[in-house]
Amino acid sequence: MSDRLRIVQILGTPEGRQGGLERHTLDLCGELAKRHEVHLIADPGFLPQKPEDVHFHPVDFRQSRWNPRLYLQIFRLVRQLQPDLVHAQAGKAAAIWSNLRWLFPGLPSLGSQHLDHNTKPYRRLDHMITVSSFLATRHPAGFATPVHNGLRLPEMLSAEERQQLHKELLGNHEGPLLVTVGRLDAQKGYDVLLKAMPGIPGHLLIVGEGNDRALLEGLIRDLRLSDKVTLLGWRQDIPRLLQVADLCVISSRSEGFPLVMIEALHAGAPIVSTDVSGVREIVPPDLLVPVEDVAALHEKLAMAVTRLPELLERFQPIFAHARSELTLAGMTRNTEAVYRKLLARPAP
């Protein structure tokens, strides 16, 4: 078996929509391409975002996962490429490839599960990668290997740069700065977070865009939070924003191993979160609250903003762990180890 592999990655997200799953896939492809021949089958909308050394094959994933044309396109591509393995990212890609793989007997296939959702799409693959240890327990013993997400370490701001960015964001506003990052949709639980904010000192920045913007704007008005909450929109400088945050808040209803958690830890921002999958493997239990519990989240935030120096001290070992282990190089190395183990199995 050659050290240099030909790898096909399948990403089923339509229209180039960018979220944690999509960023993970693009980052992983780019890092793998330093040592391997990587082919990404994805929607045309991802072409501008794909890493330079990755071979890109556009397929319109707006089509139904049952559309015969979609299957024919992917079949022809994989037959032409003759890869060493196929890696399907998340449920849609795994379901499509599960229905095609019988046409490629002996071709090793695996999937990555990113969220605590349906496990059925992955059952006909050879192996699974899950982004948290909890998700691995939802599969038969030995079938899933947890590989935590990882990101490149950010360039750290100077004290003067942090002060300037803080002023750009909030002017002369004083008090704790809370930051949360993600798509504006129900999964992220921003409606719960807003309901928990009245009476909390400081200012909340919600970074992201999505279909729930109008709903959240109305909730901000109804709760009279216009002077305490800013919908910042989508930003390209999230690692910089988190470096000026006193606290990162994750209010999600479900998660796998959220990238914003890693970004916050790399940036040196303590975290308060709902008790969701991968977060509970990193954040101390007393800083987690039940999903959708407005009162519990309010109480935890009220405690956190009054004990920020103590929280910062508690998180120092967690920051060190993240900067050592939750890196893009570490995630790629662990993913490659799963590939090698799968390829070393006797052919069925």
Foldseek 3Di string as FASTA:
>chain_A
DDQAWEEEEEELDAQLDDFQLVVLVQLLQQVSLVRYAYEYEYAPNCVVVHHDSHHYDHDHSVDDLPDVVRLVSVLVVCVVSVTQAYEYEAQSSLQSCLVVCVVPALRAYEYEHWWPDDPVSGPSHQAYEFQFPVSVVVDPPPRYDYFHAAAAQDDADDPVVLVVVVCVVQNPDDAAEEEEEGEPDVQQPVLLVLLLPVPQPAAYEYEEYYDCPVVVVVSCVVSVCPNRYDDPYHDPPLLSVLLNHLEYEGQGPITGNHPVVLSNLSSLHHYAYAPYHHVPVQHPPVSYHHHSDSNVPSVSSNVCRVCSVVRSVVCPVSSVCSVVQRHSVNSSVVVVVVVVVSSPDDRD
